[in-house]
N, C-alpha and C. Protein backbone atom coordinates (compact mmCIF):
# COMPACT_ATOMS: atom_id res chain seq x y z
N MET A 1 27.99 26.30 4.94
CA MET A 1 27.36 25.95 3.68
C MET A 1 26.55 24.67 3.81
N LYS A 2 27.10 23.68 4.54
CA LYS A 2 26.39 22.42 4.73
C LYS A 2 25.06 22.65 5.46
N ARG A 3 25.10 23.58 6.44
CA ARG A 3 23.87 23.89 7.18
C ARG A 3 22.83 24.49 6.25
N THR A 4 23.29 25.34 5.31
CA THR A 4 22.37 25.96 4.35
C THR A 4 21.71 24.91 3.49
N TYR A 5 22.51 23.94 2.97
CA TYR A 5 21.96 22.88 2.14
C TYR A 5 20.96 22.05 2.92
N ALA A 6 21.30 21.73 4.18
CA ALA A 6 20.40 20.92 5.00
C ALA A 6 19.09 21.66 5.24
N TRP A 7 19.18 22.95 5.47
CA TRP A 7 17.99 23.77 5.72
C TRP A 7 17.11 23.82 4.48
N LEU A 8 17.73 24.02 3.30
CA LEU A 8 16.98 24.06 2.04
C LEU A 8 16.35 22.70 1.74
N SER A 9 17.08 21.63 2.04
CA SER A 9 16.54 20.29 1.81
C SER A 9 15.32 20.05 2.68
N ALA A 10 15.38 20.51 3.93
CA ALA A 10 14.25 20.32 4.84
C ALA A 10 13.04 21.09 4.35
N ILE A 11 13.25 22.33 3.87
CA ILE A 11 12.14 23.13 3.35
C ILE A 11 11.51 22.43 2.15
N THR A 12 12.37 21.93 1.24
CA THR A 12 11.87 21.24 0.04
C THR A 12 11.07 20.01 0.42
N PHE A 13 11.58 19.23 1.38
CA PHE A 13 10.90 18.01 1.81
C PHE A 13 9.51 18.33 2.36
N PHE A 14 9.43 19.30 3.25
CA PHE A 14 8.14 19.62 3.86
C PHE A 14 7.18 20.26 2.86
N ALA A 15 7.72 21.00 1.90
CA ALA A 15 6.86 21.59 0.87
C ALA A 15 6.25 20.50 0.01
N VAL A 16 7.04 19.50 -0.37
CA VAL A 16 6.53 18.38 -1.16
C VAL A 16 5.48 17.61 -0.37
N CYS A 17 5.77 17.32 0.90
CA CYS A 17 4.82 16.59 1.74
C CYS A 17 3.51 17.35 1.89
N SER A 18 3.62 18.68 2.06
CA SER A 18 2.42 19.49 2.21
C SER A 18 1.59 19.47 0.94
N THR A 19 2.27 19.53 -0.21
CA THR A 19 1.55 19.50 -1.49
C THR A 19 0.84 18.18 -1.67
N VAL A 20 1.54 17.06 -1.39
CA VAL A 20 0.94 15.74 -1.52
C VAL A 20 -0.23 15.60 -0.55
N SER A 21 -0.04 16.03 0.69
CA SER A 21 -1.10 15.92 1.69
C SER A 21 -2.35 16.66 1.28
N ALA A 22 -2.18 17.79 0.60
CA ALA A 22 -3.33 18.60 0.20
C ALA A 22 -4.20 17.90 -0.83
N LEU A 23 -3.67 16.86 -1.48
CA LEU A 23 -4.42 16.14 -2.50
C LEU A 23 -5.35 15.09 -1.90
N TYR A 24 -5.28 14.89 -0.60
CA TYR A 24 -6.03 13.82 0.06
C TYR A 24 -6.95 14.37 1.15
N ASP A 25 -8.08 13.70 1.32
CA ASP A 25 -8.89 13.87 2.53
C ASP A 25 -8.38 12.85 3.54
N PHE A 26 -8.35 13.25 4.80
CA PHE A 26 -7.69 12.45 5.83
C PHE A 26 -8.64 12.16 6.98
N SER A 27 -8.61 10.92 7.48
CA SER A 27 -9.34 10.56 8.70
C SER A 27 -8.41 9.73 9.57
N ASP A 28 -8.41 10.01 10.87
CA ASP A 28 -7.50 9.29 11.77
C ASP A 28 -8.12 8.01 12.31
N LYS A 29 -8.97 7.38 11.52
CA LYS A 29 -9.49 6.06 11.86
C LYS A 29 -9.84 5.33 10.57
N GLY A 30 -10.05 4.04 10.67
CA GLY A 30 -10.38 3.23 9.50
C GLY A 30 -11.82 3.43 9.08
N MET A 31 -12.02 3.99 7.89
CA MET A 31 -13.36 4.29 7.40
C MET A 31 -13.79 3.31 6.31
N TRP A 32 -13.33 2.07 6.40
CA TRP A 32 -13.69 1.08 5.38
C TRP A 32 -15.16 0.69 5.50
N PRO A 33 -15.71 0.07 4.46
CA PRO A 33 -17.14 -0.26 4.45
C PRO A 33 -17.54 -1.19 5.59
N LYS A 34 -18.75 -1.04 6.05
CA LYS A 34 -19.26 -1.89 7.12
C LYS A 34 -19.48 -3.33 6.67
N THR A 35 -19.40 -3.54 5.34
CA THR A 35 -19.54 -4.90 4.82
C THR A 35 -18.26 -5.72 4.98
N TRP A 36 -17.17 -5.08 5.37
CA TRP A 36 -15.94 -5.83 5.61
C TRP A 36 -16.12 -6.73 6.84
N PRO A 37 -15.31 -7.77 6.98
CA PRO A 37 -15.49 -8.70 8.10
C PRO A 37 -15.53 -8.01 9.46
N LYS A 38 -16.44 -8.47 10.30
CA LYS A 38 -16.61 -7.86 11.62
C LYS A 38 -15.37 -8.01 12.47
N GLU A 39 -14.53 -9.00 12.15
CA GLU A 39 -13.29 -9.21 12.92
C GLU A 39 -12.32 -8.04 12.76
N LEU A 40 -12.52 -7.22 11.73
CA LEU A 40 -11.64 -6.07 11.51
C LEU A 40 -12.11 -4.82 12.24
N GLU A 41 -13.31 -4.86 12.81
CA GLU A 41 -13.86 -3.68 13.49
C GLU A 41 -12.94 -3.11 14.57
N PRO A 42 -12.34 -3.94 15.44
CA PRO A 42 -11.48 -3.37 16.50
C PRO A 42 -10.25 -2.63 15.95
N LEU A 43 -9.92 -2.83 14.68
CA LEU A 43 -8.73 -2.21 14.11
C LEU A 43 -8.97 -0.80 13.60
N ARG A 44 -10.23 -0.38 13.57
CA ARG A 44 -10.52 0.96 13.03
C ARG A 44 -9.77 2.05 13.79
N LYS A 45 -9.65 1.88 15.10
CA LYS A 45 -9.06 2.95 15.92
C LYS A 45 -7.55 3.09 15.69
N GLN A 46 -6.87 2.05 15.19
CA GLN A 46 -5.44 2.15 14.95
C GLN A 46 -5.12 2.43 13.49
N ALA A 47 -6.15 2.58 12.67
CA ALA A 47 -5.97 2.78 11.24
C ALA A 47 -6.09 4.26 10.86
N THR A 48 -5.64 4.56 9.66
CA THR A 48 -5.78 5.89 9.06
C THR A 48 -6.38 5.72 7.67
N THR A 49 -7.24 6.63 7.27
CA THR A 49 -7.85 6.58 5.94
C THR A 49 -7.46 7.82 5.15
N LEU A 50 -7.02 7.59 3.93
CA LEU A 50 -6.74 8.68 2.98
C LEU A 50 -7.61 8.47 1.76
N VAL A 51 -8.20 9.54 1.25
CA VAL A 51 -9.06 9.48 0.07
C VAL A 51 -8.49 10.44 -0.96
N GLY A 52 -8.12 9.91 -2.13
CA GLY A 52 -7.53 10.73 -3.19
C GLY A 52 -6.52 9.91 -3.97
N PRO A 53 -5.63 10.55 -4.75
CA PRO A 53 -5.42 12.00 -4.81
C PRO A 53 -6.34 12.75 -5.77
N GLU A 54 -6.75 12.12 -6.88
CA GLU A 54 -7.63 12.80 -7.83
C GLU A 54 -9.01 12.18 -7.75
N ALA A 55 -9.16 10.97 -8.26
CA ALA A 55 -10.39 10.23 -8.00
C ALA A 55 -10.41 9.86 -6.52
N PRO A 56 -11.59 9.69 -5.93
CA PRO A 56 -11.65 9.39 -4.49
C PRO A 56 -11.33 7.94 -4.15
N ASN A 57 -10.15 7.48 -4.63
CA ASN A 57 -9.69 6.15 -4.23
C ASN A 57 -9.39 6.15 -2.74
N ARG A 58 -9.58 5.02 -2.11
CA ARG A 58 -9.43 4.92 -0.66
C ARG A 58 -8.21 4.09 -0.31
N HIS A 59 -7.49 4.57 0.70
CA HIS A 59 -6.25 3.93 1.13
C HIS A 59 -6.30 3.81 2.65
N TYR A 60 -6.19 2.59 3.14
CA TYR A 60 -6.30 2.33 4.58
C TYR A 60 -4.94 1.86 5.11
N GLN A 61 -4.34 2.69 5.96
CA GLN A 61 -3.07 2.34 6.59
C GLN A 61 -3.36 1.69 7.94
N ILE A 62 -2.93 0.44 8.09
CA ILE A 62 -3.23 -0.30 9.32
C ILE A 62 -1.93 -0.89 9.87
N PRO A 63 -1.28 -0.17 10.79
CA PRO A 63 -0.02 -0.67 11.35
C PRO A 63 -0.27 -1.65 12.50
N PHE A 64 0.72 -2.50 12.73
CA PHE A 64 0.68 -3.44 13.84
C PHE A 64 2.02 -3.42 14.56
N THR A 65 1.97 -3.61 15.86
CA THR A 65 3.18 -3.73 16.67
C THR A 65 3.28 -5.10 17.32
N LYS A 66 2.19 -5.88 17.27
CA LYS A 66 2.17 -7.20 17.89
C LYS A 66 1.88 -8.28 16.85
N ARG A 67 2.75 -9.25 16.79
CA ARG A 67 2.62 -10.32 15.80
C ARG A 67 1.31 -11.06 15.93
N GLU A 68 0.89 -11.35 17.15
CA GLU A 68 -0.32 -12.14 17.36
C GLU A 68 -1.55 -11.42 16.81
N GLU A 69 -1.60 -10.10 16.99
CA GLU A 69 -2.74 -9.33 16.50
C GLU A 69 -2.77 -9.32 14.97
N PHE A 70 -1.61 -9.16 14.36
CA PHE A 70 -1.57 -9.17 12.90
C PHE A 70 -1.98 -10.54 12.36
N GLU A 71 -1.43 -11.60 12.91
CA GLU A 71 -1.71 -12.93 12.37
C GLU A 71 -3.18 -13.32 12.56
N ALA A 72 -3.82 -12.80 13.59
CA ALA A 72 -5.24 -13.06 13.78
C ALA A 72 -6.07 -12.32 12.73
N ALA A 73 -5.60 -11.14 12.32
CA ALA A 73 -6.36 -10.33 11.36
C ALA A 73 -6.08 -10.72 9.91
N TRP A 74 -4.93 -11.31 9.62
CA TRP A 74 -4.51 -11.55 8.24
C TRP A 74 -5.53 -12.31 7.39
N PRO A 75 -6.12 -13.42 7.85
CA PRO A 75 -7.10 -14.12 7.01
C PRO A 75 -8.30 -13.24 6.65
N HIS A 76 -8.63 -12.30 7.50
CA HIS A 76 -9.79 -11.43 7.24
C HIS A 76 -9.44 -10.32 6.26
N PHE A 77 -8.18 -9.87 6.25
CA PHE A 77 -7.74 -8.93 5.22
C PHE A 77 -7.85 -9.57 3.84
N LEU A 78 -7.50 -10.84 3.75
CA LEU A 78 -7.55 -11.52 2.46
C LEU A 78 -8.97 -11.58 1.91
N LYS A 79 -9.97 -11.55 2.79
CA LYS A 79 -11.36 -11.63 2.34
C LYS A 79 -11.82 -10.36 1.63
N VAL A 80 -11.16 -9.22 1.89
CA VAL A 80 -11.60 -7.97 1.27
C VAL A 80 -10.89 -7.71 -0.05
N LYS A 81 -9.84 -8.44 -0.34
CA LYS A 81 -9.08 -8.27 -1.58
C LYS A 81 -9.92 -8.72 -2.77
N SER A 82 -9.87 -7.97 -3.85
CA SER A 82 -10.58 -8.37 -5.06
C SER A 82 -9.99 -9.66 -5.62
N LYS A 83 -10.84 -10.47 -6.21
CA LYS A 83 -10.38 -11.72 -6.81
C LYS A 83 -9.38 -11.42 -7.92
N GLY A 84 -8.23 -12.04 -7.84
CA GLY A 84 -7.19 -11.84 -8.86
C GLY A 84 -6.27 -10.68 -8.60
N ALA A 85 -6.62 -9.80 -7.65
CA ALA A 85 -5.76 -8.64 -7.35
C ALA A 85 -4.53 -9.09 -6.56
N PRO A 86 -3.44 -8.35 -6.66
CA PRO A 86 -2.18 -8.81 -6.07
C PRO A 86 -2.01 -8.45 -4.60
N ILE A 87 -1.01 -9.08 -4.02
CA ILE A 87 -0.41 -8.65 -2.76
C ILE A 87 0.98 -8.13 -3.11
N ILE A 88 1.25 -6.88 -2.75
CA ILE A 88 2.55 -6.27 -3.02
C ILE A 88 3.35 -6.28 -1.72
N LEU A 89 4.49 -6.93 -1.74
CA LEU A 89 5.35 -7.01 -0.55
C LEU A 89 6.31 -5.82 -0.55
N VAL A 90 6.32 -5.06 0.54
CA VAL A 90 7.26 -3.96 0.69
C VAL A 90 7.99 -4.12 2.03
N ARG A 91 9.17 -3.56 2.10
CA ARG A 91 9.99 -3.70 3.30
C ARG A 91 9.52 -2.77 4.40
N GLY A 92 9.40 -3.30 5.61
CA GLY A 92 9.03 -2.49 6.74
C GLY A 92 10.26 -2.03 7.52
N PRO A 93 10.16 -0.88 8.19
CA PRO A 93 8.99 0.00 8.22
C PRO A 93 8.84 0.79 6.92
N LYS A 94 7.60 1.07 6.55
CA LYS A 94 7.30 1.87 5.36
C LYS A 94 7.21 3.31 5.81
N THR A 95 8.11 4.16 5.30
CA THR A 95 8.26 5.50 5.88
C THR A 95 7.96 6.62 4.89
N ASP A 96 7.36 6.30 3.74
CA ASP A 96 7.02 7.35 2.80
C ASP A 96 5.71 8.02 3.22
N PHE A 97 5.05 8.72 2.31
CA PHE A 97 3.84 9.46 2.66
C PHE A 97 2.79 8.57 3.31
N MET A 98 2.55 7.38 2.73
CA MET A 98 1.59 6.44 3.32
C MET A 98 2.36 5.46 4.21
N GLU A 99 2.81 5.96 5.34
CA GLU A 99 3.69 5.15 6.18
C GLU A 99 2.92 4.09 6.97
N VAL A 100 3.60 2.97 7.19
CA VAL A 100 3.10 1.90 8.05
C VAL A 100 4.29 1.42 8.86
N LYS A 101 4.27 1.66 10.17
CA LYS A 101 5.42 1.34 11.03
C LYS A 101 4.97 0.59 12.28
N PRO A 102 5.71 -0.43 12.69
CA PRO A 102 6.86 -1.02 12.01
C PRO A 102 6.47 -1.98 10.88
N ALA A 103 5.21 -2.46 10.89
CA ALA A 103 4.75 -3.40 9.88
C ALA A 103 3.23 -3.35 9.84
N GLY A 104 2.65 -4.06 8.87
CA GLY A 104 1.20 -4.08 8.78
C GLY A 104 0.73 -4.14 7.35
N VAL A 105 -0.41 -3.51 7.08
CA VAL A 105 -0.97 -3.54 5.73
C VAL A 105 -1.39 -2.14 5.30
N LEU A 106 -1.34 -1.93 4.00
CA LEU A 106 -1.89 -0.74 3.36
C LEU A 106 -2.84 -1.27 2.29
N ILE A 107 -4.12 -1.03 2.47
CA ILE A 107 -5.13 -1.56 1.56
C ILE A 107 -5.62 -0.43 0.66
N HIS A 108 -5.52 -0.65 -0.64
CA HIS A 108 -5.99 0.32 -1.62
C HIS A 108 -7.30 -0.17 -2.20
N SER A 109 -8.28 0.71 -2.36
CA SER A 109 -9.55 0.31 -2.95
C SER A 109 -10.10 1.42 -3.82
N PRO A 110 -10.94 1.09 -4.80
CA PRO A 110 -11.50 2.11 -5.69
C PRO A 110 -12.51 2.97 -4.97
N PRO A 111 -12.97 4.04 -5.61
CA PRO A 111 -13.96 4.91 -4.97
C PRO A 111 -15.21 4.14 -4.55
N GLU A 112 -15.75 4.53 -3.42
CA GLU A 112 -16.96 3.88 -2.92
C GLU A 112 -18.11 4.12 -3.89
N GLY A 113 -18.82 3.04 -4.23
CA GLY A 113 -19.94 3.17 -5.14
C GLY A 113 -19.56 3.30 -6.60
N GLN A 114 -18.32 3.01 -6.94
CA GLN A 114 -17.88 3.13 -8.33
C GLN A 114 -18.70 2.21 -9.24
N ASP A 115 -19.09 2.74 -10.39
CA ASP A 115 -19.87 1.97 -11.36
C ASP A 115 -18.97 0.94 -12.04
N LYS A 116 -19.16 -0.32 -11.71
CA LYS A 116 -18.29 -1.36 -12.24
C LYS A 116 -18.54 -1.64 -13.71
N ARG A 117 -19.63 -1.11 -14.26
CA ARG A 117 -19.84 -1.24 -15.70
C ARG A 117 -18.91 -0.29 -16.46
N VAL A 118 -18.61 0.84 -15.84
CA VAL A 118 -17.72 1.83 -16.45
C VAL A 118 -16.26 1.51 -16.12
N ASN A 119 -15.99 1.19 -14.86
CA ASN A 119 -14.64 0.83 -14.39
C ASN A 119 -14.70 -0.54 -13.75
N PRO A 120 -14.65 -1.59 -14.56
CA PRO A 120 -14.76 -2.95 -14.00
C PRO A 120 -13.62 -3.26 -13.04
N GLU A 121 -13.90 -4.13 -12.10
CA GLU A 121 -12.93 -4.50 -11.06
C GLU A 121 -11.92 -5.49 -11.63
N GLU A 122 -11.04 -4.94 -12.46
CA GLU A 122 -10.04 -5.76 -13.15
C GLU A 122 -8.84 -4.89 -13.48
N PRO A 123 -7.70 -5.49 -13.86
CA PRO A 123 -6.51 -4.68 -14.14
C PRO A 123 -6.68 -3.80 -15.36
N ILE A 124 -6.00 -2.64 -15.32
CA ILE A 124 -5.96 -1.73 -16.46
C ILE A 124 -4.75 -2.13 -17.31
N PRO A 125 -4.95 -2.47 -18.58
CA PRO A 125 -3.83 -2.96 -19.38
C PRO A 125 -2.81 -1.87 -19.72
N ALA A 126 -1.61 -2.33 -20.10
CA ALA A 126 -0.54 -1.47 -20.65
C ALA A 126 -0.05 -0.42 -19.65
N GLN A 127 -0.04 -0.75 -18.35
CA GLN A 127 0.49 0.15 -17.33
C GLN A 127 1.82 -0.38 -16.81
N GLU A 128 2.77 0.50 -16.53
CA GLU A 128 4.07 0.08 -16.01
C GLU A 128 4.05 -0.09 -14.50
N ASN A 129 3.19 0.65 -13.83
CA ASN A 129 3.16 0.64 -12.36
C ASN A 129 2.04 -0.27 -11.88
N ALA A 130 2.37 -1.23 -11.03
CA ALA A 130 1.37 -2.19 -10.56
C ALA A 130 0.22 -1.49 -9.84
N ARG A 131 0.52 -0.41 -9.13
CA ARG A 131 -0.54 0.28 -8.37
C ARG A 131 -1.53 0.98 -9.29
N VAL A 132 -1.07 1.39 -10.45
CA VAL A 132 -1.97 1.97 -11.45
C VAL A 132 -2.74 0.84 -12.14
N THR A 133 -2.05 -0.24 -12.46
CA THR A 133 -2.69 -1.37 -13.12
C THR A 133 -3.90 -1.86 -12.34
N TRP A 134 -3.79 -1.90 -11.01
CA TRP A 134 -4.81 -2.52 -10.16
C TRP A 134 -5.67 -1.50 -9.41
N MET A 135 -5.66 -0.23 -9.83
CA MET A 135 -6.34 0.81 -9.04
C MET A 135 -7.86 0.69 -9.04
N ASN A 136 -8.43 -0.09 -9.95
CA ASN A 136 -9.88 -0.31 -9.94
C ASN A 136 -10.28 -1.51 -9.10
N THR A 137 -9.34 -2.07 -8.37
CA THR A 137 -9.59 -3.21 -7.51
C THR A 137 -9.19 -2.88 -6.07
N THR A 138 -9.51 -3.77 -5.17
CA THR A 138 -9.01 -3.68 -3.80
C THR A 138 -7.81 -4.61 -3.70
N PHE A 139 -6.64 -4.04 -3.44
CA PHE A 139 -5.42 -4.85 -3.35
C PHE A 139 -4.64 -4.45 -2.10
N ILE A 140 -3.70 -5.29 -1.73
CA ILE A 140 -3.01 -5.15 -0.44
C ILE A 140 -1.52 -4.91 -0.65
N GLU A 141 -0.99 -3.92 0.06
CA GLU A 141 0.45 -3.82 0.26
C GLU A 141 0.74 -4.40 1.64
N LEU A 142 1.57 -5.40 1.69
CA LEU A 142 1.94 -6.04 2.94
C LEU A 142 3.32 -5.55 3.35
N VAL A 143 3.38 -4.86 4.48
CA VAL A 143 4.63 -4.26 4.96
C VAL A 143 5.31 -5.27 5.88
N VAL A 144 6.41 -5.82 5.40
CA VAL A 144 7.07 -6.96 6.05
C VAL A 144 8.31 -6.52 6.79
N ASP A 145 8.35 -6.80 8.09
CA ASP A 145 9.56 -6.47 8.87
C ASP A 145 10.28 -7.72 9.37
N GLY A 146 9.71 -8.90 9.14
CA GLY A 146 10.34 -10.14 9.58
C GLY A 146 10.08 -10.48 11.04
N ASN A 147 9.40 -9.60 11.75
CA ASN A 147 9.11 -9.84 13.17
C ASN A 147 7.61 -9.82 13.40
N VAL A 148 7.00 -8.64 13.31
CA VAL A 148 5.54 -8.56 13.44
C VAL A 148 4.88 -9.26 12.25
N VAL A 149 5.39 -8.96 11.05
CA VAL A 149 4.93 -9.64 9.84
C VAL A 149 6.06 -10.51 9.34
N ASP A 150 5.89 -11.81 9.48
CA ASP A 150 6.90 -12.79 9.12
C ASP A 150 6.30 -13.71 8.06
N LEU A 151 6.86 -13.67 6.85
CA LEU A 151 6.30 -14.46 5.75
C LEU A 151 6.40 -15.96 5.99
N ASN A 152 7.25 -16.36 6.91
CA ASN A 152 7.36 -17.79 7.23
C ASN A 152 6.21 -18.27 8.11
N ARG A 153 5.41 -17.33 8.60
CA ARG A 153 4.36 -17.69 9.55
C ARG A 153 2.94 -17.48 9.01
N ILE A 154 2.82 -16.89 7.82
CA ILE A 154 1.49 -16.63 7.28
C ILE A 154 1.35 -17.27 5.90
N ALA A 155 0.10 -17.50 5.51
CA ALA A 155 -0.18 -18.09 4.21
C ALA A 155 -0.45 -17.00 3.19
N LEU A 156 0.17 -17.14 2.01
CA LEU A 156 -0.13 -16.28 0.87
C LEU A 156 -0.95 -17.11 -0.12
N PRO A 157 -2.11 -16.63 -0.53
CA PRO A 157 -2.99 -17.43 -1.37
C PRO A 157 -2.31 -17.86 -2.67
N GLY A 158 -2.52 -19.11 -3.03
CA GLY A 158 -1.88 -19.65 -4.23
C GLY A 158 -2.41 -19.06 -5.52
N ASP A 159 -3.62 -18.50 -5.51
CA ASP A 159 -4.22 -17.94 -6.73
C ASP A 159 -4.05 -16.43 -6.81
N THR A 160 -3.13 -15.88 -6.03
CA THR A 160 -2.94 -14.42 -5.96
C THR A 160 -1.57 -14.04 -6.49
N PRO A 161 -1.49 -13.07 -7.42
CA PRO A 161 -0.17 -12.58 -7.85
C PRO A 161 0.57 -11.95 -6.67
N ILE A 162 1.83 -12.30 -6.51
CA ILE A 162 2.68 -11.73 -5.47
C ILE A 162 3.74 -10.87 -6.14
N ILE A 163 3.75 -9.58 -5.81
CA ILE A 163 4.73 -8.65 -6.38
C ILE A 163 5.69 -8.27 -5.26
N ASP A 164 6.94 -8.70 -5.36
CA ASP A 164 7.90 -8.49 -4.28
C ASP A 164 8.76 -7.27 -4.56
N GLU A 165 8.52 -6.20 -3.78
CA GLU A 165 9.28 -4.96 -3.93
C GLU A 165 10.20 -4.72 -2.74
N ARG A 166 10.41 -5.72 -1.93
CA ARG A 166 11.22 -5.50 -0.71
C ARG A 166 12.66 -5.16 -1.02
N PHE A 167 13.16 -5.61 -2.15
CA PHE A 167 14.58 -5.41 -2.45
C PHE A 167 14.76 -4.67 -3.77
N ARG A 168 13.76 -3.87 -4.13
CA ARG A 168 13.86 -3.17 -5.41
C ARG A 168 15.00 -2.17 -5.39
N SER A 169 15.55 -1.93 -6.56
CA SER A 169 16.72 -1.07 -6.66
C SER A 169 16.34 0.39 -6.42
N VAL A 170 17.27 1.14 -5.88
CA VAL A 170 17.08 2.58 -5.68
C VAL A 170 17.26 3.25 -7.03
N PRO A 171 16.36 4.16 -7.44
CA PRO A 171 16.47 4.78 -8.76
C PRO A 171 17.76 5.58 -8.90
N GLN A 172 18.39 5.43 -10.05
CA GLN A 172 19.59 6.19 -10.35
C GLN A 172 19.21 7.51 -11.02
N ALA A 173 20.16 8.42 -11.08
CA ALA A 173 19.90 9.73 -11.69
C ALA A 173 19.42 9.54 -13.12
N GLY A 174 18.31 10.16 -13.44
CA GLY A 174 17.78 10.08 -14.79
C GLY A 174 16.91 8.89 -15.06
N GLU A 175 16.76 7.97 -14.09
CA GLU A 175 15.92 6.79 -14.31
C GLU A 175 14.46 7.20 -14.34
N LYS A 176 13.71 6.58 -15.26
CA LYS A 176 12.30 6.89 -15.40
C LYS A 176 11.54 6.40 -14.18
N GLN A 177 10.62 7.22 -13.68
CA GLN A 177 9.78 6.85 -12.57
C GLN A 177 8.32 6.92 -13.00
N ALA A 178 7.55 5.94 -12.56
CA ALA A 178 6.13 5.91 -12.90
C ALA A 178 5.33 6.55 -11.78
N PRO A 179 4.26 7.29 -12.12
CA PRO A 179 3.44 7.91 -11.07
C PRO A 179 2.75 6.87 -10.22
N ASN A 180 2.63 7.15 -8.94
CA ASN A 180 2.05 6.23 -7.97
C ASN A 180 0.78 6.85 -7.41
N PRO A 181 -0.36 6.15 -7.49
CA PRO A 181 -1.59 6.73 -6.94
C PRO A 181 -1.51 6.92 -5.44
N GLY A 182 -0.48 6.34 -4.80
CA GLY A 182 -0.29 6.55 -3.38
C GLY A 182 0.40 7.86 -3.07
N GLY A 183 0.74 8.63 -4.12
CA GLY A 183 1.26 9.97 -3.88
C GLY A 183 2.73 10.13 -4.12
N ALA A 184 3.49 9.03 -4.29
CA ALA A 184 4.92 9.13 -4.49
C ALA A 184 5.29 8.45 -5.78
N ALA A 185 6.42 8.86 -6.38
CA ALA A 185 6.88 8.20 -7.58
C ALA A 185 7.44 6.84 -7.24
N THR A 186 7.22 5.87 -8.10
CA THR A 186 7.71 4.52 -7.87
C THR A 186 8.72 4.17 -8.92
N PRO A 187 9.97 3.88 -8.54
CA PRO A 187 10.99 3.55 -9.54
C PRO A 187 10.70 2.21 -10.18
N LYS A 188 11.04 2.09 -11.45
CA LYS A 188 10.94 0.81 -12.12
C LYS A 188 12.04 -0.09 -11.61
N ALA A 189 11.70 -1.31 -11.27
CA ALA A 189 12.68 -2.24 -10.74
C ALA A 189 12.96 -3.32 -11.77
N ASP A 190 14.25 -3.62 -11.97
CA ASP A 190 14.64 -4.70 -12.86
C ASP A 190 15.25 -5.81 -12.03
N GLY A 191 15.00 -7.03 -12.46
CA GLY A 191 15.62 -8.15 -11.77
C GLY A 191 15.14 -8.31 -10.36
N ALA A 192 13.86 -8.12 -10.08
CA ALA A 192 13.34 -8.30 -8.72
C ALA A 192 13.47 -9.75 -8.32
N PRO A 193 13.75 -10.04 -7.05
CA PRO A 193 13.90 -11.42 -6.61
C PRO A 193 12.58 -12.16 -6.71
N PRO A 194 12.64 -13.49 -6.79
CA PRO A 194 11.42 -14.27 -6.89
C PRO A 194 10.56 -14.09 -5.65
N ALA A 195 9.25 -14.17 -5.82
CA ALA A 195 8.32 -14.05 -4.70
C ALA A 195 8.44 -15.25 -3.79
N PRO A 196 8.11 -15.09 -2.51
CA PRO A 196 8.16 -16.24 -1.59
C PRO A 196 7.14 -17.28 -1.99
N ALA A 197 7.37 -18.49 -1.56
CA ALA A 197 6.48 -19.58 -1.89
C ALA A 197 5.07 -19.29 -1.40
N SER A 198 4.08 -19.56 -2.23
CA SER A 198 2.69 -19.33 -1.87
C SER A 198 2.13 -20.55 -1.18
N ALA A 199 1.10 -20.29 -0.39
CA ALA A 199 0.42 -21.41 0.27
C ALA A 199 -0.37 -22.19 -0.76
N PRO A 200 -0.50 -23.52 -0.63
CA PRO A 200 -1.26 -24.29 -1.59
C PRO A 200 -2.72 -23.91 -1.56
């Protein structure tokens, strides 16, 4: 019986993943705009680009295995973030649909060429999920493992909201979940720990 449950669980998992994957266009390299800093060009080959799920929002998964490479790139990632948009801290390795292993960044950005008069580059009010709130901006998920990405070794801008989800609670049965433009449901977290100290 246990084998049957495990088999059914595996089928359900892969069916969900296949459904989510079908909502995105996929490229096995970083397809970010050429206007981004030239220092990020060498990282295109280790990145993945997803476009979707409904509007053609762009999501760039950029994993790192070497601390020195990440720390050299970090100041240039900050240059592409929209003014006022947050950095969301998540625990590494990130193993959901938009995985980043063992650490690195996941950069979310609005559709290329979006009319900012219609969808200004600013937060959407009255949203429960931070990723929905900021979906009209370019914002960063920083995947922290304490080794490749060590918050004690990098500067977090003082004028940037820091949303710390590294220790968020696991949703309990019946808990409300907010839709995530990254393709997975995001549980509401209560009592999140304070964000790490920001750089002056």
